[in-house]
Amino acid sequence: MNISKHFSLKEMTMSPTATRFGIDNSPSFEVVTRLMLLAEKVLEPLREHMGEPVKVSSGYRSPALNRKIGGSKTSQHCLGEAADLDSNGKNRKMFYFIKNNLEFDQLIWEFGDADEPDWVHVSYKKEKNRNQVLLAKKVNGKTVYEPYVG
């Protein structure tokens, strides 16, 4: 099932961890609706700008999967509102296109260095998007988020 022109429900719910541990990562109808909105408002415009496929490394996560990977208890992944994107050396380009051209709730430069994030986290809500831009980094072994100023 496609949720948009270039994105399938399968790629938005695929998880090697869920497969390995037998965790059901099937989304509800409400979650699929949110994934479709994320694809329409963020992923498809990004795909069009990039002119090539955009790899979703993590989309929807069931609560059980999110617990297994140690995700935040308030993760928008569990609502179908977030995706992590990784396009081999083009993460910076994706990050800045989203930041400068699209509406979003959160956009996070995930780790990496000053030149390139390891991946990009983006979320979109139906209402009241914050357009919050953050930098994720490790401090004393813990992930911390601070405002992105690049």
Foldseek 3Di string as FASTA:
>chain_A
DPLDDQHRPCQQQDDPVCVVVVNDSDDDPQLSVLLSVLCVFQVVVLCVVVVHDWHFPYAAGDPVRCVVVVHDPPDCSPSRFKTKTADDPCQVVSQVCCLPPGQFQEWEQDDDDPRHGRIIMTGHDPDDRNSFYWYWDDDPNDIDIDGDDD
